[in-house]
């Protein structure tokens, strides 16, 4: 996922309910799908952040010495400025980039 090319808003927006539930015709189902995708995005971003911070980590046995690593600070600031995972998930939902299926429908067809 390329976080720099996303068009998700950084601040809170009010969305039209009819846009959100247009594909599922059920607002609760749509929100459930969006929430699950937001959890996936959050996990990916957290993993990516930890990996980048590990590159600059210095390990010391002394608790008295605290180093301010400028690279770590810059990486952290970049991730703080990103849109929140729920905003990214909603934008993906509105752009029809999320694949979902209702397993209840699969059971009824069988």
PDB file of N, CA and C in Angstrom:
ATOM      1  N   UNK A   1       0.844  -1.168   0.000  1.00  0.00           N
ATOM      2  CA  UNK A   1       0.000   0.000   0.000  1.00  0.00           C
ATOM      3  C   UNK A   1       0.894   1.236   0.000  1.00  0.00           C
ATOM      4  N   UNK A   2       0.629   2.124  -0.928  1.00  0.00           N
ATOM      5  CA  UNK A   2       1.407   3.348  -1.011  1.00  0.00           C
ATOM      6  C   UNK A   2       0.665   4.452  -0.276  1.00  0.00           C
ATOM      7  N   UNK A   3       1.165   4.771   0.893  1.00  0.00           N
ATOM      8  CA  UNK A   3       0.463   5.729   1.747  1.00  0.00           C
ATOM      9  C   UNK A   3       0.583   7.162   1.259  1.00  0.00           C
ATOM     10  N   UNK A   4       1.585   7.434   0.433  1.00  0.00           N
ATOM     11  CA  UNK A   4       1.775   8.800  -0.064  1.00  0.00           C
ATOM     12  C   UNK A   4       0.766   9.147  -1.156  1.00  0.00           C
ATOM     13  N   UNK A   5       0.239   8.155  -1.844  1.00  0.00           N
ATOM     14  CA  UNK A   5      -0.654   8.400  -2.976  1.00  0.00           C
ATOM     15  C   UNK A   5      -2.133   8.266  -2.613  1.00  0.00           C
ATOM     16  N   UNK A   6      -2.438   8.177  -1.356  1.00  0.00           N
ATOM     17  CA  UNK A   6      -3.825   8.021  -0.949  1.00  0.00           C
ATOM     18  C   UNK A   6      -4.549   9.367  -0.961  1.00  0.00           C
ATOM     19  N   UNK A   7      -5.832   9.318  -1.217  1.00  0.00           N
ATOM     20  CA  UNK A   7      -6.638  10.530  -1.246  1.00  0.00           C
ATOM     21  C   UNK A   7      -7.559  10.606  -0.031  1.00  0.00           C
ATOM     22  N   UNK A   8      -7.259   9.839   0.981  1.00  0.00           N
ATOM     23  CA  UNK A   8      -8.087   9.834   2.187  1.00  0.00           C
ATOM     24  C   UNK A   8      -7.871  11.130   2.971  1.00  0.00           C
ATOM     25  N   UNK A   9      -8.924  11.631   3.574  1.00  0.00           N
ATOM     26  CA  UNK A   9      -8.793  12.878   4.345  1.00  0.00           C
ATOM     27  C   UNK A   9      -8.041  12.650   5.653  1.00  0.00           C
ATOM     28  N   UNK A  10      -7.321  13.662   6.082  1.00  0.00           N
ATOM     29  CA  UNK A  10      -6.588  13.585   7.338  1.00  0.00           C
ATOM     30  C   UNK A  10      -7.496  13.943   8.508  1.00  0.00           C
ATOM     31  N   UNK A  11      -8.471  14.796   8.257  1.00  0.00           N
ATOM     32  CA  UNK A  11      -9.399  15.189   9.319  1.00  0.00           C
ATOM     33  C   UNK A  11     -10.725  14.437   9.158  1.00  0.00           C
ATOM     34  N   UNK A  12     -11.586  14.601  10.119  1.00  0.00           N
ATOM     35  CA  UNK A  12     -12.870  13.914  10.127  1.00  0.00           C
ATOM     36  C   UNK A  12     -13.827  14.518   9.112  1.00  0.00           C
ATOM     37  N   UNK A  13     -14.529  13.652   8.385  1.00  0.00           N
ATOM     38  CA  UNK A  13     -15.534  14.083   7.420  1.00  0.00           C
ATOM     39  C   UNK A  13     -16.863  13.402   7.729  1.00  0.00           C
ATOM     40  N   UNK A  14     -17.923  14.026   7.282  1.00  0.00           N
ATOM     41  CA  UNK A  14     -19.243  13.411   7.357  1.00  0.00           C
ATOM     42  C   UNK A  14     -19.565  12.844   5.985  1.00  0.00           C
ATOM     43  N   UNK A  15     -19.896  11.577   5.939  1.00  0.00           N
ATOM     44  CA  UNK A  15     -20.188  10.914   4.671  1.00  0.00           C
ATOM     45  C   UNK A  15     -21.686  10.735   4.512  1.00  0.00           C
ATOM     46  N   UNK A  16     -22.116  10.672   3.267  1.00  0.00           N
ATOM     47  CA  UNK A  16     -23.512  10.399   2.966  1.00  0.00           C
ATOM     48  C   UNK A  16     -23.775   8.917   3.225  1.00  0.00           C
ATOM     49  N   UNK A  17     -24.748   8.632   4.050  1.00  0.00           N
ATOM     50  CA  UNK A  17     -25.065   7.253   4.405  1.00  0.00           C
ATOM     51  C   UNK A  17     -25.379   6.418   3.171  1.00  0.00           C
ATOM     52  N   UNK A  18     -26.043   7.017   2.203  1.00  0.00           N
ATOM     53  CA  UNK A  18     -26.421   6.285   0.999  1.00  0.00           C
ATOM     54  C   UNK A  18     -25.204   5.886   0.167  1.00  0.00           C
ATOM     55  N   UNK A  19     -24.138   6.668   0.223  1.00  0.00           N
ATOM     56  CA  UNK A  19     -22.901   6.295  -0.475  1.00  0.00           C
ATOM     57  C   UNK A  19     -22.248   5.096   0.200  1.00  0.00           C
ATOM     58  N   UNK A  20     -22.262   5.093   1.517  1.00  0.00           N
ATOM     59  CA  UNK A  20     -21.606   4.020   2.272  1.00  0.00           C
ATOM     60  C   UNK A  20     -22.309   2.684   2.055  1.00  0.00           C
ATOM     61  N   UNK A  21     -23.631   2.664   2.121  1.00  0.00           N
ATOM     62  CA  UNK A  21     -24.333   1.383   2.027  1.00  0.00           C
ATOM     63  C   UNK A  21     -24.864   1.086   0.624  1.00  0.00           C
ATOM     64  N   UNK A  22     -24.378   1.774  -0.380  1.00  0.00           N
ATOM     65  CA  UNK A  22     -24.875   1.573  -1.745  1.00  0.00           C
ATOM     66  C   UNK A  22     -24.601   0.160  -2.258  1.00  0.00           C
ATOM     67  N   UNK A  23     -23.433  -0.383  -1.991  1.00  0.00           N
ATOM     68  CA  UNK A  23     -23.098  -1.703  -2.540  1.00  0.00           C
ATOM     69  C   UNK A  23     -23.710  -2.850  -1.750  1.00  0.00           C
ATOM     70  N   UNK A  24     -23.902  -2.670  -0.450  1.00  0.00           N
ATOM     71  CA  UNK A  24     -24.436  -3.766   0.364  1.00  0.00           C
ATOM     72  C   UNK A  24     -25.914  -3.600   0.682  1.00  0.00           C
ATOM     73  N   UNK A  25     -26.426  -2.401   0.561  1.00  0.00           N
ATOM     74  CA  UNK A  25     -27.794  -2.057   0.938  1.00  0.00           C
ATOM     75  C   UNK A  25     -28.061  -2.322   2.415  1.00  0.00           C
ATOM     76  N   UNK A  26     -26.987  -2.356   3.209  1.00  0.00           N
ATOM     77  CA  UNK A  26     -27.092  -2.568   4.640  1.00  0.00           C
ATOM     78  C   UNK A  26     -25.947  -1.790   5.289  1.00  0.00           C
ATOM     79  N   UNK A  27     -26.278  -0.752   6.028  1.00  0.00           N
ATOM     80  CA  UNK A  27     -25.254   0.111   6.610  1.00  0.00           C
ATOM     81  C   UNK A  27     -24.391  -0.640   7.614  1.00  0.00           C
ATOM     82  N   UNK A  28     -24.972  -1.562   8.364  1.00  0.00           N
ATOM     83  CA  UNK A  28     -24.219  -2.300   9.370  1.00  0.00           C
ATOM     84  C   UNK A  28     -23.216  -3.248   8.725  1.00  0.00           C
ATOM     85  N   UNK A  29     -23.611  -3.873   7.648  1.00  0.00           N
ATOM     86  CA  UNK A  29     -22.698  -4.756   6.925  1.00  0.00           C
ATOM     87  C   UNK A  29     -21.550  -3.954   6.319  1.00  0.00           C
ATOM     88  N   UNK A  30     -21.862  -2.800   5.756  1.00  0.00           N
ATOM     89  CA  UNK A  30     -20.828  -1.957   5.164  1.00  0.00           C
ATOM     90  C   UNK A  30     -19.844  -1.483   6.226  1.00  0.00           C
ATOM     91  N   UNK A  31     -20.345  -1.057   7.365  1.00  0.00           N
ATOM     92  CA  UNK A  31     -19.461  -0.593   8.435  1.00  0.00           C
ATOM     93  C   UNK A  31     -18.616  -1.735   8.966  1.00  0.00           C
ATOM     94  N   UNK A  32     -19.168  -2.932   9.033  1.00  0.00           N
ATOM     95  CA  UNK A  32     -18.410  -4.093   9.483  1.00  0.00           C
ATOM     96  C   UNK A  32     -17.246  -4.393   8.540  1.00  0.00           C
ATOM     97  N   UNK A  33     -17.500  -4.342   7.242  1.00  0.00           N
ATOM     98  CA  UNK A  33     -16.446  -4.580   6.250  1.00  0.00           C
ATOM     99  C   UNK A  33     -15.376  -3.498   6.358  1.00  0.00           C
ATOM    100  N   UNK A  34     -15.805  -2.253   6.483  1.00  0.00           N
ATOM    101  CA  UNK A  34     -14.857  -1.132   6.597  1.00  0.00           C
ATOM    102  C   UNK A  34     -14.014  -1.271   7.863  1.00  0.00           C
ATOM    103  N   UNK A  35     -14.626  -1.668   8.962  1.00  0.00           N
ATOM    104  CA  UNK A  35     -13.904  -1.824  10.225  1.00  0.00           C
ATOM    105  C   UNK A  35     -12.851  -2.927  10.131  1.00  0.00           C
ATOM    106  N   UNK A  36     -13.193  -4.024   9.485  1.00  0.00           N
ATOM    107  CA  UNK A  36     -12.225  -5.112   9.336  1.00  0.00           C
ATOM    108  C   UNK A  36     -11.059  -4.676   8.458  1.00  0.00           C
ATOM    109  N   UNK A  37     -11.355  -3.917   7.413  1.00  0.00           N
ATOM    110  CA  UNK A  37     -10.277  -3.416   6.548  1.00  0.00           C
ATOM    111  C   UNK A  37      -9.410  -2.411   7.303  1.00  0.00           C
ATOM    112  N   UNK A  38     -10.016  -1.584   8.149  1.00  0.00           N
ATOM    113  CA  UNK A  38      -9.255  -0.615   8.941  1.00  0.00           C
ATOM    114  C   UNK A  38      -8.289  -1.331   9.885  1.00  0.00           C
ATOM    115  N   UNK A  39      -8.714  -2.453  10.452  1.00  0.00           N
ATOM    116  CA  UNK A  39      -7.828  -3.241  11.310  1.00  0.00           C
ATOM    117  C   UNK A  39      -6.643  -3.783  10.520  1.00  0.00           C
ATOM    118  N   UNK A  40      -6.897  -4.261   9.291  1.00  0.00           N
ATOM    119  CA  UNK A  40      -5.815  -4.755   8.443  1.00  0.00           C
ATOM    120  C   UNK A  40      -4.832  -3.639   8.104  1.00  0.00           C
ATOM    121  N   UNK A  41      -5.357  -2.476   7.754  1.00  0.00           N
ATOM    122  CA  UNK A  41      -4.500  -1.337   7.413  1.00  0.00           C
ATOM    123  C   UNK A  41      -3.679  -0.926   8.624  1.00  0.00           C
ATOM    124  N   UNK A  42      -4.293  -0.878   9.793  1.00  0.00           N
ATOM    125  CA  UNK A  42      -3.589  -0.501  11.011  1.00  0.00           C
ATOM    126  C   UNK A  42      -2.445  -1.466  11.299  1.00  0.00           C
ATOM    127  N   UNK A  43      -2.696  -2.752  11.136  1.00  0.00           N
ATOM    128  CA  UNK A  43      -1.649  -3.756  11.363  1.00  0.00           C
ATOM    129  C   UNK A  43      -0.497  -3.568  10.383  1.00  0.00           C
ATOM    130  N   UNK A  44      -0.811  -3.321   9.117  1.00  0.00           N
ATOM    131  CA  UNK A  44       0.224  -3.117   8.109  1.00  0.00           C
ATOM    132  C   UNK A  44       1.060  -1.871   8.411  1.00  0.00           C
ATOM    133  N   UNK A  45       0.402  -0.786   8.764  1.00  0.00           N
ATOM    134  CA  UNK A  45       1.115   0.459   9.058  1.00  0.00           C
ATOM    135  C   UNK A  45       1.988   0.290  10.297  1.00  0.00           C
ATOM    136  N   UNK A  46       1.450  -0.346  11.330  1.00  0.00           N
ATOM    137  CA  UNK A  46       2.226  -0.556  12.553  1.00  0.00           C
ATOM    138  C   UNK A  46       3.455  -1.420  12.282  1.00  0.00           C
ATOM    139  N   UNK A  47       3.285  -2.485  11.497  1.00  0.00           N
ATOM    140  CA  UNK A  47       4.407  -3.363  11.174  1.00  0.00           C
ATOM    141  C   UNK A  47       5.484  -2.601  10.385  1.00  0.00           C
ATOM    142  N   UNK A  48       5.034  -1.800   9.431  1.00  0.00           N
ATOM    143  CA  UNK A  48       5.954  -1.009   8.624  1.00  0.00           C
ATOM    144  C   UNK A  48       6.705   0.011   9.481  1.00  0.00           C
ATOM    145  N   UNK A  49       6.018   0.663  10.391  1.00  0.00           N
ATOM    146  CA  UNK A  49       6.637   1.644  11.275  1.00  0.00           C
ATOM    147  C   UNK A  49       7.673   0.993  12.177  1.00  0.00           C
ATOM    148  N   UNK A  50       7.329  -0.135  12.765  1.00  0.00           N
ATOM    149  CA  UNK A  50       8.271  -0.828  13.651  1.00  0.00           C
ATOM    150  C   UNK A  50       9.514  -1.260  12.878  1.00  0.00           C
ATOM    151  N   UNK A  51       9.332  -1.758  11.661  1.00  0.00           N
ATOM    152  CA  UNK A  51      10.475  -2.166  10.849  1.00  0.00           C
ATOM    153  C   UNK A  51      11.397  -0.991  10.547  1.00  0.00           C
ATOM    154  N   UNK A  52      10.808   0.158  10.215  1.00  0.00           N
ATOM    155  CA  UNK A  52      11.632   1.332   9.917  1.00  0.00           C
ATOM    156  C   UNK A  52      12.328   1.865  11.157  1.00  0.00           C
ATOM    157  N   UNK A  53      11.663   1.836  12.291  1.00  0.00           N
ATOM    158  CA  UNK A  53      12.290   2.315  13.519  1.00  0.00           C
ATOM    159  C   UNK A  53      13.396   1.375  13.988  1.00  0.00           C
ATOM    160  N   UNK A  54      13.245   0.084  13.703  1.00  0.00           N
ATOM    161  CA  UNK A  54      14.279  -0.892  14.064  1.00  0.00           C
ATOM    162  C   UNK A  54      15.598  -0.611  13.335  1.00  0.00           C
ATOM    163  N   UNK A  55      15.520  -0.065  12.139  1.00  0.00           N
ATOM    164  CA  UNK A  55      16.733   0.245  11.373  1.00  0.00           C
ATOM    165  C   UNK A  55      17.617   1.248  12.096  1.00  0.00           C
ATOM    166  N   UNK A  56      16.996   2.162  12.834  1.00  0.00           N
ATOM    167  CA  UNK A  56      17.744   3.226  13.488  1.00  0.00           C
ATOM    168  C   UNK A  56      17.942   2.985  14.975  1.00  0.00           C
ATOM    169  N   UNK A  57      17.522   1.853  15.464  1.00  0.00           N
ATOM    170  CA  UNK A  57      17.571   1.589  16.901  1.00  0.00           C
ATOM    171  C   UNK A  57      19.001   1.377  17.364  1.00  0.00           C
ATOM    172  N   UNK A  58      19.292   1.928  18.525  1.00  0.00           N
ATOM    173  CA  UNK A  58      20.574   1.689  19.197  1.00  0.00           C
ATOM    174  C   UNK A  58      20.250   1.067  20.544  1.00  0.00           C
ATOM    175  N   UNK A  59      20.922  -0.011  20.851  1.00  0.00           N
ATOM    176  CA  UNK A  59      20.638  -0.741  22.075  1.00  0.00           C
ATOM    177  C   UNK A  59      21.738  -0.470  23.089  1.00  0.00           C
ATOM    178  N   UNK A  60      21.315   0.004  24.256  1.00  0.00           N
ATOM    179  CA  UNK A  60      22.246   0.293  25.347  1.00  0.00           C
ATOM    180  C   UNK A  60      21.763  -0.419  26.602  1.00  0.00           C
ATOM    181  N   UNK A  61      22.735  -0.790  27.432  1.00  0.00           N
ATOM    182  CA  UNK A  61      22.397  -1.435  28.689  1.00  0.00           C
ATOM    183  C   UNK A  61      22.062  -0.416  29.769  1.00  0.00           C
ATOM    184  N   UNK A  62      22.459   0.818  29.556  1.00  0.00           N
ATOM    185  CA  UNK A  62      22.262   1.852  30.556  1.00  0.00           C
ATOM    186  C   UNK A  62      20.929   2.563  30.344  1.00  0.00           C
ATOM    187  N   UNK A  63      20.152   2.675  31.397  1.00  0.00           N
ATOM    188  CA  UNK A  63      18.880   3.375  31.314  1.00  0.00           C
ATOM    189  C   UNK A  63      19.063   4.889  31.418  1.00  0.00           C
ATOM    190  N   UNK A  64      20.227   5.309  31.880  1.00  0.00           N
ATOM    191  CA  UNK A  64      20.471   6.732  32.072  1.00  0.00           C
ATOM    192  C   UNK A  64      20.694   7.458  30.747  1.00  0.00           C
ATOM    193  N   UNK A  65      21.217   6.756  29.777  1.00  0.00           N
ATOM    194  CA  UNK A  65      21.522   7.381  28.498  1.00  0.00           C
ATOM    195  C   UNK A  65      20.328   7.266  27.564  1.00  0.00           C
ATOM    196  N   UNK A  66      19.809   8.412  27.178  1.00  0.00           N
ATOM    197  CA  UNK A  66      18.702   8.442  26.236  1.00  0.00           C
ATOM    198  C   UNK A  66      19.173   9.225  25.020  1.00  0.00           C
ATOM    199  N   UNK A  67      19.150   8.574  23.888  1.00  0.00           N
ATOM    200  CA  UNK A  67      19.605   9.215  22.666  1.00  0.00           C
ATOM    201  C   UNK A  67      18.407   9.660  21.844  1.00  0.00           C
ATOM    202  N   UNK A  68      18.487  10.864  21.331  1.00  0.00           N
ATOM    203  CA  UNK A  68      17.466  11.339  20.406  1.00  0.00           C
ATOM    204  C   UNK A  68      17.979  11.084  19.001  1.00  0.00           C
ATOM    205  N   UNK A  69      17.392  10.130  18.362  1.00  0.00           N
ATOM    206  CA  UNK A  69      17.791   9.785  17.012  1.00  0.00           C
ATOM    207  C   UNK A  69      16.907  10.566  16.039  1.00  0.00           C
ATOM    208  N   UNK A  70      17.516  11.466  15.286  1.00  0.00           N
ATOM    209  CA  UNK A  70      16.756  12.339  14.392  1.00  0.00           C
ATOM    210  C   UNK A  70      16.013  11.549  13.312  1.00  0.00           C
ATOM    211  N   UNK A  71      16.594  10.463  12.845  1.00  0.00           N
ATOM    212  CA  UNK A  71      15.933   9.659  11.826  1.00  0.00           C
ATOM    213  C   UNK A  71      14.645   9.030  12.371  1.00  0.00           C
ATOM    214  N   UNK A  72      14.718   8.539  13.603  1.00  0.00           N
ATOM    215  CA  UNK A  72      13.524   7.960  14.223  1.00  0.00           C
ATOM    216  C   UNK A  72      12.436   9.013  14.408  1.00  0.00           C
ATOM    217  N   UNK A  73      12.837  10.202  14.771  1.00  0.00           N
ATOM    218  CA  UNK A  73      11.874  11.282  14.968  1.00  0.00           C
ATOM    219  C   UNK A  73      11.213  11.642  13.649  1.00  0.00           C
ATOM    220  N   UNK A  74      11.975  11.714  12.571  1.00  0.00           N
ATOM    221  CA  UNK A  74      11.422  12.042  11.257  1.00  0.00           C
ATOM    222  C   UNK A  74      10.447  10.965  10.770  1.00  0.00           C
ATOM    223  N   UNK A  75      10.806   9.711  10.967  1.00  0.00           N
ATOM    224  CA  UNK A  75       9.931   8.610  10.571  1.00  0.00           C
ATOM    225  C   UNK A  75       8.632   8.672  11.375  1.00  0.00           C
ATOM    226  N   UNK A  76       8.744   8.920  12.664  1.00  0.00           N
ATOM    227  CA  UNK A  76       7.555   9.006  13.513  1.00  0.00           C
ATOM    228  C   UNK A  76       6.661  10.166  13.091  1.00  0.00           C
ATOM    229  N   UNK A  77       7.243  11.293  12.778  1.00  0.00           N
ATOM    230  CA  UNK A  77       6.454  12.455  12.349  1.00  0.00           C
ATOM    231  C   UNK A  77       5.724  12.164  11.039  1.00  0.00           C
ATOM    232  N   UNK A  78       6.386  11.444  10.121  1.00  0.00           N
ATOM    233  CA  UNK A  78       5.739  11.086   8.862  1.00  0.00           C
ATOM    234  C   UNK A  78       4.491  10.246   9.113  1.00  0.00           C
ATOM    235  N   UNK A  79       4.614   9.250   9.989  1.00  0.00           N
ATOM    236  CA  UNK A  79       3.484   8.363  10.260  1.00  0.00           C
ATOM    237  C   UNK A  79       2.382   9.056  11.060  1.00  0.00           C
ATOM    238  N   UNK A  80       2.735  10.056  11.860  1.00  0.00           N
ATOM    239  CA  UNK A  80       1.724  10.801  12.596  1.00  0.00           C
ATOM    240  C   UNK A  80       0.867  11.651  11.663  1.00  0.00           C
ATOM    241  N   UNK A  81       1.437  12.093  10.550  1.00  0.00           N
ATOM    242  CA  UNK A  81       0.723  12.954   9.609  1.00  0.00           C
ATOM    243  C   UNK A  81      -0.162  12.186   8.639  1.00  0.00           C
ATOM    244  N   UNK A  82      -0.046  10.881   8.604  1.00  0.00           N
ATOM    245  CA  UNK A  82      -0.843  10.070   7.689  1.00  0.00           C
ATOM    246  C   UNK A  82      -2.315  10.063   8.101  1.00  0.00           C
ATOM    247  N   UNK A  83      -3.195   9.819   7.140  1.00  0.00           N
ATOM    248  CA  UNK A  83      -4.610   9.642   7.504  1.00  0.00           C
ATOM    249  C   UNK A  83      -4.758   8.412   8.397  1.00  0.00           C
ATOM    250  N   UNK A  84      -5.754   8.440   9.226  1.00  0.00           N
ATOM    251  CA  UNK A  84      -6.005   7.320  10.135  1.00  0.00           C
ATOM    252  C   UNK A  84      -6.485   6.103   9.346  1.00  0.00           C
ATOM    253  N   UNK A  85      -6.266   4.894   9.875  1.00  0.00           N
ATOM    254  CA  UNK A  85      -6.668   3.678   9.161  1.00  0.00           C
ATOM    255  C   UNK A  85      -8.146   3.631   8.795  1.00  0.00           C
ATOM    256  N   UNK A  86      -9.014   4.147   9.650  1.00  0.00           N
ATOM    257  CA  UNK A  86     -10.441   4.113   9.314  1.00  0.00           C
ATOM    258  C   UNK A  86     -10.739   5.033   8.132  1.00  0.00           C
ATOM    259  N   UNK A  87     -10.031   6.154   8.023  1.00  0.00           N
ATOM    260  CA  UNK A  87     -10.238   7.053   6.884  1.00  0.00           C
ATOM    261  C   UNK A  87      -9.747   6.398   5.594  1.00  0.00           C
ATOM    262  N   UNK A  88      -8.625   5.689   5.679  1.00  0.00           N
ATOM    263  CA  UNK A  88      -8.118   4.965   4.511  1.00  0.00           C
ATOM    264  C   UNK A  88      -9.097   3.875   4.085  1.00  0.00           C
ATOM    265  N   UNK A  89      -9.661   3.163   5.061  1.00  0.00           N
ATOM    266  CA  UNK A  89     -10.605   2.085   4.756  1.00  0.00           C
ATOM    267  C   UNK A  89     -11.881   2.630   4.127  1.00  0.00           C
ATOM    268  N   UNK A  90     -12.394   3.728   4.635  1.00  0.00           N
ATOM    269  CA  UNK A  90     -13.604   4.320   4.065  1.00  0.00           C
ATOM    270  C   UNK A  90     -13.333   4.770   2.634  1.00  0.00           C
ATOM    271  N   UNK A  91     -12.172   5.368   2.402  1.00  0.00           N
ATOM    272  CA  UNK A  91     -11.844   5.816   1.045  1.00  0.00           C
ATOM    273  C   UNK A  91     -11.729   4.632   0.089  1.00  0.00           C
ATOM    274  N   UNK A  92     -11.108   3.549   0.540  1.00  0.00           N
ATOM    275  CA  UNK A  92     -11.030   2.344  -0.283  1.00  0.00           C
ATOM    276  C   UNK A  92     -12.425   1.797  -0.567  1.00  0.00           C
ATOM    277  N   UNK A  93     -13.306   1.824   0.414  1.00  0.00           N
ATOM    278  CA  UNK A  93     -14.671   1.340   0.240  1.00  0.00           C
ATOM    279  C   UNK A  93     -15.406   2.166  -0.800  1.00  0.00           C
ATOM    280  N   UNK A  94     -15.291   3.477  -0.698  1.00  0.00           N
ATOM    281  CA  UNK A  94     -15.977   4.360  -1.643  1.00  0.00           C
ATOM    282  C   UNK A  94     -15.409   4.245  -3.050  1.00  0.00           C
ATOM    283  N   UNK A  95     -14.124   3.891  -3.166  1.00  0.00           N
ATOM    284  CA  UNK A  95     -13.482   3.713  -4.472  1.00  0.00           C
ATOM    285  C   UNK A  95     -13.633   2.295  -5.003  1.00  0.00           C
ATOM    286  N   UNK A  96     -14.411   1.452  -4.329  1.00  0.00           N
ATOM    287  CA  UNK A  96     -14.635   0.044  -4.709  1.00  0.00           C
ATOM    288  C   UNK A  96     -13.334  -0.750  -4.809  1.00  0.00           C
ATOM    289  N   UNK A  97     -12.436  -0.538  -3.864  1.00  0.00           N
ATOM    290  CA  UNK A  97     -11.168  -1.257  -3.846  1.00  0.00           C
ATOM    291  C   UNK A  97     -11.152  -2.386  -2.816  1.00  0.00           C
ATOM    292  N   UNK A  98     -12.271  -2.588  -2.133  1.00  0.00           N
ATOM    293  CA  UNK A  98     -12.352  -3.643  -1.122  1.00  0.00           C
ATOM    294  C   UNK A  98     -13.228  -4.766  -1.655  1.00  0.00           C
ATOM    295  N   UNK A  99     -12.668  -5.966  -1.669  1.00  0.00           N
ATOM    296  CA  UNK A  99     -13.435  -7.144  -2.065  1.00  0.00           C
ATOM    297  C   UNK A  99     -14.040  -7.755  -0.805  1.00  0.00           C
ATOM    298  N   UNK A 100     -15.293  -8.066  -0.870  1.00  0.00           N
ATOM    299  CA  UNK A 100     -15.960  -8.734   0.246  1.00  0.00           C
ATOM    300  C   UNK A 100     -17.000  -9.684  -0.325  1.00  0.00           C
ATOM    301  N   UNK A 101     -17.394 -10.634   0.486  1.00  0.00           N
ATOM    302  CA  UNK A 101     -18.488 -11.526   0.100  1.00  0.00           C
ATOM    303  C   UNK A 101     -19.218 -11.924   1.364  1.00  0.00           C
ATOM    304  N   UNK A 102     -20.482 -12.197   1.202  1.00  0.00           N
ATOM    305  CA  UNK A 102     -21.316 -12.588   2.322  1.00  0.00           C
ATOM    306  C   UNK A 102     -21.364 -14.112   2.358  1.00  0.00           C
ATOM    307  N   UNK A 103     -20.813 -14.700   3.394  1.00  0.00           N
ATOM    308  CA  UNK A 103     -20.762 -16.166   3.480  1.00  0.00           C
ATOM    309  C   UNK A 103     -22.141 -16.769   3.705  1.00  0.00           C
ATOM    310  N   UNK A 104     -23.084 -15.995   4.222  1.00  0.00           N
ATOM    311  CA  UNK A 104     -24.455 -16.508   4.383  1.00  0.00           C
ATOM    312  C   UNK A 104     -25.080 -16.808   3.027  1.00  0.00           C
ATOM    313  N   UNK A 105     -24.772 -15.989   2.020  1.00  0.00           N
ATOM    314  CA  UNK A 105     -25.279 -16.236   0.683  1.00  0.00           C
ATOM    315  C   UNK A 105     -24.722 -17.532   0.101  1.00  0.00           C
ATOM    316  N   UNK A 106     -23.437 -17.838   0.425  1.00  0.00           N
ATOM    317  CA  UNK A 106     -22.824 -19.076  -0.057  1.00  0.00           C
ATOM    318  C   UNK A 106     -23.517 -20.296   0.534  1.00  0.00           C
ATOM    319  N   UNK A 107     -23.921 -20.206   1.783  1.00  0.00           N
ATOM    320  CA  UNK A 107     -24.577 -21.323   2.466  1.00  0.00           C
ATOM    321  C   UNK A 107     -25.976 -21.544   1.891  1.00  0.00           C
ATOM    322  N   UNK A 108     -26.693 -20.465   1.604  1.00  0.00           N
ATOM    323  CA  UNK A 108     -28.040 -20.574   1.050  1.00  0.00           C
ATOM    324  C   UNK A 108     -28.037 -21.171  -0.352  1.00  0.00           C
ATOM    325  N   UNK A 109     -26.999 -20.877  -1.140  1.00  0.00           N
ATOM    326  CA  UNK A 109     -26.896 -21.395  -2.508  1.00  0.00           C
ATOM    327  C   UNK A 109     -26.586 -22.885  -2.540  1.00  0.00           C
ATOM    328  N   UNK A 110     -25.973 -23.399  -1.502  1.00  0.00           N
ATOM    329  CA  UNK A 110     -25.551 -24.809  -1.490  1.00  0.00           C
ATOM    330  C   UNK A 110     -26.674 -25.765  -1.265  1.00  0.00           C
TER     331      UNK A 110
END
